[in-house]
C-alpha cells in the first residue's frame, strides 16, 4: 500500500491541504464569542460553522487512513479542497 506522501503527490492541488490543527483552529475561532461578534458585524448574523467541522473530520480521515475520498470527494461543497477554494 502506498504511503501518504505518494498518494498526496498524485492528488490535484495537493498543496491546498492543511494540517488538521488549522481546521480545528478555524472551527474554534468560528464558534468563539469574538468570532460571533465579527460575523454579526460583517454578515449581520451568525454564520454556520458546520463546514469547518466537516473539513476537520475529512482531514482526520485523510490523516488516519490516507482516505483520498475524504480529500477529493464531490459529495459536498464543504470538503477539504472545496473549503480551501472558498478561503482563497
Protein backbone atom coordinates (compact mmCIF):
# COMPACT_ATOMS: atom_id res chain seq x y z
CA UNK A 1 0.00 0.00 0.00
CA UNK A 2 1.20 3.49 -0.79
CA UNK A 3 2.06 5.90 1.96
CA UNK A 4 0.50 9.32 2.45
CA UNK A 5 3.27 11.20 0.61
CA UNK A 6 3.00 9.10 -2.55
CA UNK A 7 -0.79 9.40 -2.61
CA UNK A 8 -0.65 13.11 -1.84
CA UNK A 9 1.76 13.76 -4.70
CA UNK A 10 -0.77 12.28 -7.16
CA UNK A 11 -3.68 14.42 -5.95
CA UNK A 12 -4.52 17.56 -7.91
CA UNK A 13 -3.84 20.72 -5.95
CA UNK A 14 -2.36 18.74 -3.06
CA UNK A 15 -0.74 21.92 -1.77
CA UNK A 16 -4.18 23.16 -0.67
CA UNK A 17 -4.43 20.57 2.11
CA UNK A 18 -3.59 22.00 5.52
CA UNK A 19 -2.76 20.37 8.81
CA UNK A 20 -5.78 19.23 10.83
CA UNK A 21 -4.87 21.71 13.53
CA UNK A 22 -5.62 24.54 11.10
CA UNK A 23 -9.18 23.30 10.60
CA UNK A 24 -9.57 22.85 14.34
CA UNK A 25 -8.39 26.43 14.91
CA UNK A 26 -10.80 27.75 12.27
CA UNK A 27 -13.70 25.87 13.89
CA UNK A 28 -12.80 27.15 17.34
CA UNK A 29 -12.50 30.71 16.02
CA UNK A 30 -15.81 30.45 14.17
CA UNK A 31 -17.60 29.33 17.34
CA UNK A 32 -15.89 31.79 19.69
CA UNK A 33 -17.54 34.90 21.12
CA UNK A 34 -15.14 37.13 19.19
CA UNK A 35 -15.81 35.16 16.04
CA UNK A 36 -19.55 35.52 16.51
CA UNK A 37 -19.20 39.28 17.06
CA UNK A 38 -17.15 39.55 13.89
CA UNK A 39 -19.76 37.52 11.97
CA UNK A 40 -22.55 39.74 13.27
CA UNK A 41 -20.65 42.87 12.25
CA UNK A 42 -19.63 41.60 8.80
CA UNK A 43 -22.57 39.35 7.84
CA UNK A 44 -25.36 40.70 10.01
CA UNK A 45 -25.75 37.45 11.96
CA UNK A 46 -24.12 34.20 12.99
CA UNK A 47 -22.53 32.10 10.26
CA UNK A 48 -22.87 28.32 10.13
CA UNK A 49 -19.58 26.73 11.20
CA UNK A 50 -20.53 23.22 10.02
CA UNK A 51 -18.17 23.37 7.02
CA UNK A 52 -15.16 23.73 9.35
CA UNK A 53 -16.32 20.71 11.35
CA UNK A 54 -16.78 18.65 8.19
CA UNK A 55 -13.37 19.74 6.88
CA UNK A 56 -11.80 18.73 10.21
CA UNK A 57 -13.48 15.32 10.09
CA UNK A 58 -12.35 14.80 6.49
CA UNK A 59 -8.82 15.82 7.46
CA UNK A 60 -8.82 13.28 10.29
CA UNK A 61 -9.96 10.57 7.86
CA UNK A 62 -7.15 11.53 5.50
CA UNK A 63 -4.61 11.56 8.30
CA UNK A 64 -5.70 8.22 9.76
CA UNK A 65 -6.34 6.19 6.62
CA UNK A 66 -4.99 8.21 3.66
CA UNK A 67 -8.64 8.33 2.57
CA UNK A 68 -8.47 10.04 -0.82
CA UNK A 69 -12.26 10.28 -0.94
CA UNK A 70 -12.17 12.49 2.15
CA UNK A 71 -9.86 14.90 0.37
CA UNK A 72 -11.33 14.97 -3.14
CA UNK A 73 -14.87 13.58 -3.00
CA UNK A 74 -17.52 15.56 -4.85
CA UNK A 75 -20.41 14.76 -2.50
CA UNK A 76 -20.30 18.06 -0.63
CA UNK A 77 -19.19 21.65 -1.15
CA UNK A 78 -17.53 21.62 2.27
CA UNK A 79 -14.76 19.17 1.58
CA UNK A 80 -11.15 19.96 2.20
CA UNK A 81 -10.40 21.09 -1.37
CA UNK A 82 -13.65 22.93 -1.88
CA UNK A 83 -13.44 24.53 1.54
CA UNK A 84 -9.97 25.77 0.73
CA UNK A 85 -11.11 27.17 -2.62
CA UNK A 86 -13.64 29.29 -0.75
CA UNK A 87 -10.91 30.61 1.55
CA UNK A 88 -8.62 31.62 -1.31
